[in-house]
Amino acid sequence: MREIWCCQRASDYNAALSGILVMTEAEFLARYQATLKQIEEVVEAAINDDDADIDYESGNDMLTLSFGNKSVAIISRQTAISQLWLAARSGGFHFDYKPGLQTWVCTSTGQMLPHMLETICQQQGGVAISFA
């Protein structure tokens, strides 16, 4: 007899196949807000310790990183699909949370959020920050 695995929703089944953690809205929001807080702490430390030419502003559940050259990178959320979005000069990127890696992973590049933030800060703003 074969065992059949069943999900309540098609999105649960698709997410299980792709290794995405299926979260409740409350779980997603908590994880997203914790991520924003971690990013803010790293940027604040870079400003205080290294006098990095970067600033940040948070509000409306978004985080805007502002660079000395007047460019910005914006982190926002898409709660309906449990994704973190990152907009930068290099493009728009969507991230799913991967529980095995305990981080957000870009759906188009496969890169982890900390690495992409480091790259964007360096390439777009000329600021070297480690988010690892």
C-alpha atoms as a PDB file:
ATOM      1  CA  MET A   1       0.000   0.000   0.000  1.00  0.00           C
ATOM      2  CA  ARG A   2       1.381   3.397  -0.972  1.00  0.00           C
ATOM      3  CA  GLU A   3       1.322   6.249   1.466  1.00  0.00           C
ATOM      4  CA  ILE A   4      -0.196   9.449   0.113  1.00  0.00           C
ATOM      5  CA  TRP A   5       0.866  12.796   1.518  1.00  0.00           C
ATOM      6  CA  CYS A   6      -1.817  15.455   1.343  1.00  0.00           C
ATOM      7  CA  CYS A   7      -1.874  19.189   1.970  1.00  0.00           C
ATOM      8  CA  GLN A   8      -4.891  21.300   2.722  1.00  0.00           C
ATOM      9  CA  ARG A   9      -4.004  23.877   0.076  1.00  0.00           C
ATOM     10  CA  ALA A  10      -2.204  23.599  -3.251  1.00  0.00           C
ATOM     11  CA  SER A  11       0.201  26.330  -2.079  1.00  0.00           C
ATOM     12  CA  ASP A  12       1.179  24.132   0.904  1.00  0.00           C
ATOM     13  CA  TYR A  13       1.976  21.267  -1.456  1.00  0.00           C
ATOM     14  CA  ASN A  14       3.999  23.475  -3.817  1.00  0.00           C
ATOM     15  CA  ALA A  15       5.866  25.039  -0.909  1.00  0.00           C
ATOM     16  CA  ALA A  16       6.683  21.628   0.569  1.00  0.00           C
ATOM     17  CA  LEU A  17       8.115  20.494  -2.745  1.00  0.00           C
ATOM     18  CA  SER A  18      10.318  23.581  -3.043  1.00  0.00           C
ATOM     19  CA  GLY A  19      11.579  23.502   0.559  1.00  0.00           C
ATOM     20  CA  ILE A  20       9.797  26.690   1.596  1.00  0.00           C
ATOM     21  CA  LEU A  21       8.563  26.977   5.140  1.00  0.00           C
ATOM     22  CA  VAL A  22       4.795  27.404   5.181  1.00  0.00           C
ATOM     23  CA  MET A  23       4.159  30.017   7.862  1.00  0.00           C
ATOM     24  CA  THR A  24       1.096  31.557   9.363  1.00  0.00           C
ATOM     25  CA  GLU A  25       0.737  35.279   8.811  1.00  0.00           C
ATOM     26  CA  ALA A  26       1.744  35.913  12.435  1.00  0.00           C
ATOM     27  CA  GLU A  27       4.862  33.742  12.074  1.00  0.00           C
ATOM     28  CA  PHE A  28       5.817  35.497   8.849  1.00  0.00           C
ATOM     29  CA  LEU A  29       5.385  38.965  10.362  1.00  0.00           C
ATOM     30  CA  ALA A  30       7.433  38.046  13.439  1.00  0.00           C
ATOM     31  CA  ARG A  31      10.247  36.616  11.292  1.00  0.00           C
ATOM     32  CA  TYR A  32      10.160  39.606   8.923  1.00  0.00           C
ATOM     33  CA  GLN A  33      10.214  42.160  11.756  1.00  0.00           C
ATOM     34  CA  ALA A  34      13.086  40.317  13.473  1.00  0.00           C
ATOM     35  CA  THR A  35      15.010  40.438  10.184  1.00  0.00           C
ATOM     36  CA  LEU A  36      14.478  44.196   9.865  1.00  0.00           C
ATOM     37  CA  LYS A  37      15.662  44.683  13.443  1.00  0.00           C
ATOM     38  CA  GLN A  38      18.837  42.674  12.767  1.00  0.00           C
ATOM     39  CA  ILE A  39      19.587  44.737   9.655  1.00  0.00           C
ATOM     40  CA  GLU A  40      19.028  47.976  11.564  1.00  0.00           C
ATOM     41  CA  GLU A  41      21.423  46.820  14.309  1.00  0.00           C
ATOM     42  CA  VAL A  42      24.157  45.963  11.783  1.00  0.00           C
ATOM     43  CA  VAL A  43      23.779  49.304   9.991  1.00  0.00           C
ATOM     44  CA  GLU A  44      23.711  51.225  13.281  1.00  0.00           C
ATOM     45  CA  ALA A  45      26.929  49.506  14.394  1.00  0.00           C
ATOM     46  CA  ALA A  46      28.580  50.330  11.058  1.00  0.00           C
ATOM     47  CA  ILE A  47      27.605  53.979  11.467  1.00  0.00           C
ATOM     48  CA  ASN A  48      28.844  54.154  15.061  1.00  0.00           C
ATOM     49  CA  ASP A  49      31.979  52.004  14.768  1.00  0.00           C
ATOM     50  CA  ASP A  50      33.176  52.643  11.221  1.00  0.00           C
ATOM     51  CA  ASP A  51      31.528  55.980  10.404  1.00  0.00           C
ATOM     52  CA  ALA A  52      29.985  54.245   7.375  1.00  0.00           C
ATOM     53  CA  ASP A  53      28.311  56.534   4.841  1.00  0.00           C
ATOM     54  CA  ILE A  54      24.915  54.884   5.172  1.00  0.00           C
ATOM     55  CA  ASP A  55      21.729  55.675   7.024  1.00  0.00           C
ATOM     56  CA  TYR A  56      18.429  53.915   7.517  1.00  0.00           C
ATOM     57  CA  GLU A  57      14.817  54.763   8.114  1.00  0.00           C
ATOM     58  CA  SER A  58      12.115  52.368   9.173  1.00  0.00           C
ATOM     59  CA  GLY A  59       8.396  52.853   9.052  1.00  0.00           C
ATOM     60  CA  ASN A  60       5.257  51.292   7.626  1.00  0.00           C
ATOM     61  CA  ASP A  61       6.951  47.882   7.937  1.00  0.00           C
ATOM     62  CA  MET A  62       9.625  48.924   5.436  1.00  0.00           C
ATOM     63  CA  LEU A  63      13.317  49.615   5.859  1.00  0.00           C
ATOM     64  CA  THR A  64      15.074  52.121   3.612  1.00  0.00           C
ATOM     65  CA  LEU A  65      18.872  52.116   3.409  1.00  0.00           C
ATOM     66  CA  SER A  66      20.181  55.479   2.188  1.00  0.00           C
ATOM     67  CA  PHE A  67      23.708  55.851   0.838  1.00  0.00           C
ATOM     68  CA  GLY A  68      25.953  58.923   0.615  1.00  0.00           C
ATOM     69  CA  ASN A  69      25.461  59.074  -3.155  1.00  0.00           C
ATOM     70  CA  LYS A  70      21.706  59.653  -2.573  1.00  0.00           C
ATOM     71  CA  SER A  71      20.697  56.176  -3.790  1.00  0.00           C
ATOM     72  CA  VAL A  72      18.484  53.887  -1.720  1.00  0.00           C
ATOM     73  CA  ALA A  73      17.684  50.219  -1.212  1.00  0.00           C
ATOM     74  CA  ILE A  74      14.267  49.332   0.173  1.00  0.00           C
ATOM     75  CA  ILE A  75      13.225  46.215   2.055  1.00  0.00           C
ATOM     76  CA  SER A  76       9.510  45.490   2.235  1.00  0.00           C
ATOM     77  CA  ARG A  77       7.151  42.588   2.703  1.00  0.00           C
ATOM     78  CA  GLN A  78       4.513  40.762   0.738  1.00  0.00           C
ATOM     79  CA  THR A  79       2.504  39.095   3.470  1.00  0.00           C
ATOM     80  CA  ALA A  80       0.041  37.323   1.157  1.00  0.00           C
ATOM     81  CA  ILE A  81       2.861  35.219  -0.302  1.00  0.00           C
ATOM     82  CA  SER A  82       5.171  35.287   2.764  1.00  0.00           C
ATOM     83  CA  GLN A  83       8.017  36.986   0.936  1.00  0.00           C
ATOM     84  CA  LEU A  84      10.557  39.642   1.793  1.00  0.00           C
ATOM     85  CA  TRP A  85      11.265  41.980  -1.129  1.00  0.00           C
ATOM     86  CA  LEU A  86      14.429  43.992  -1.758  1.00  0.00           C
ATOM     87  CA  ALA A  87      14.518  46.842  -4.289  1.00  0.00           C
ATOM     88  CA  ALA A  88      17.884  48.252  -5.354  1.00  0.00           C
ATOM     89  CA  ARG A  89      19.507  49.809  -8.403  1.00  0.00           C
ATOM     90  CA  SER A  90      20.465  46.320  -9.566  1.00  0.00           C
ATOM     91  CA  GLY A  91      16.840  45.189  -9.569  1.00  0.00           C
ATOM     92  CA  GLY A  92      13.974  43.870  -7.508  1.00  0.00           C
ATOM     93  CA  PHE A  93      14.482  40.623  -5.594  1.00  0.00           C
ATOM     94  CA  HIS A  94      12.019  38.321  -3.821  1.00  0.00           C
ATOM     95  CA  PHE A  95      13.055  36.132  -0.889  1.00  0.00           C
ATOM     96  CA  ASP A  96      11.515  33.040   0.684  1.00  0.00           C
ATOM     97  CA  TYR A  97      12.477  31.915   4.169  1.00  0.00           C
ATOM     98  CA  LYS A  98      14.395  28.616   4.162  1.00  0.00           C
ATOM     99  CA  PRO A  99      14.216  26.955   7.592  1.00  0.00           C
ATOM    100  CA  GLY A 100      17.167  24.615   6.964  1.00  0.00           C
ATOM    101  CA  LEU A 101      19.421  27.611   6.325  1.00  0.00           C
ATOM    102  CA  GLN A 102      17.621  29.819   8.837  1.00  0.00           C
ATOM    103  CA  THR A 103      17.688  32.727   6.397  1.00  0.00           C
ATOM    104  CA  TRP A 104      15.920  34.329   3.467  1.00  0.00           C
ATOM    105  CA  VAL A 105      16.945  33.081   0.010  1.00  0.00           C
ATOM    106  CA  CYS A 106      16.413  34.948  -3.255  1.00  0.00           C
ATOM    107  CA  THR A 107      14.001  33.159  -5.579  1.00  0.00           C
ATOM    108  CA  SER A 108      15.838  34.267  -8.728  1.00  0.00           C
ATOM    109  CA  THR A 109      19.526  34.039  -7.749  1.00  0.00           C
ATOM    110  CA  GLY A 110      19.565  31.528  -4.882  1.00  0.00           C
ATOM    111  CA  GLN A 111      21.690  33.942  -2.830  1.00  0.00           C
ATOM    112  CA  MET A 112      21.058  34.488   0.847  1.00  0.00           C
ATOM    113  CA  LEU A 113      19.800  37.881   2.008  1.00  0.00           C
ATOM    114  CA  PRO A 114      22.934  38.784   4.043  1.00  0.00           C
ATOM    115  CA  HIS A 115      25.184  38.236   1.023  1.00  0.00           C
ATOM    116  CA  MET A 116      22.918  40.219  -1.302  1.00  0.00           C
ATOM    117  CA  LEU A 117      22.732  43.103   1.191  1.00  0.00           C
ATOM    118  CA  GLU A 118      26.531  43.166   1.437  1.00  0.00           C
ATOM    119  CA  THR A 119      26.845  43.207  -2.355  1.00  0.00           C
ATOM    120  CA  ILE A 120      24.246  45.946  -2.793  1.00  0.00           C
ATOM    121  CA  CYS A 121      25.779  48.124  -0.073  1.00  0.00           C
ATOM    122  CA  GLN A 122      29.224  47.754  -1.660  1.00  0.00           C
ATOM    123  CA  GLN A 123      28.244  48.115  -5.313  1.00  0.00           C
ATOM    124  CA  GLN A 124      25.485  50.677  -4.984  1.00  0.00           C
ATOM    125  CA  GLY A 125      26.684  52.732  -2.020  1.00  0.00           C
ATOM    126  CA  GLY A 126      30.406  52.004  -1.764  1.00  0.00           C
ATOM    127  CA  VAL A 127      29.900  50.833   1.822  1.00  0.00           C
ATOM    128  CA  ALA A 128      31.507  47.631   3.142  1.00  0.00           C
ATOM    129  CA  ILE A 129      29.221  46.046   5.755  1.00  0.00           C
ATOM    130  CA  SER A 130      29.067  42.441   6.920  1.00  0.00           C
ATOM    131  CA  PHE A 131      25.550  41.165   7.538  1.00  0.00           C
ATOM    132  CA  ALA A 132      26.709  37.600   8.253  1.00  0.00           C
END
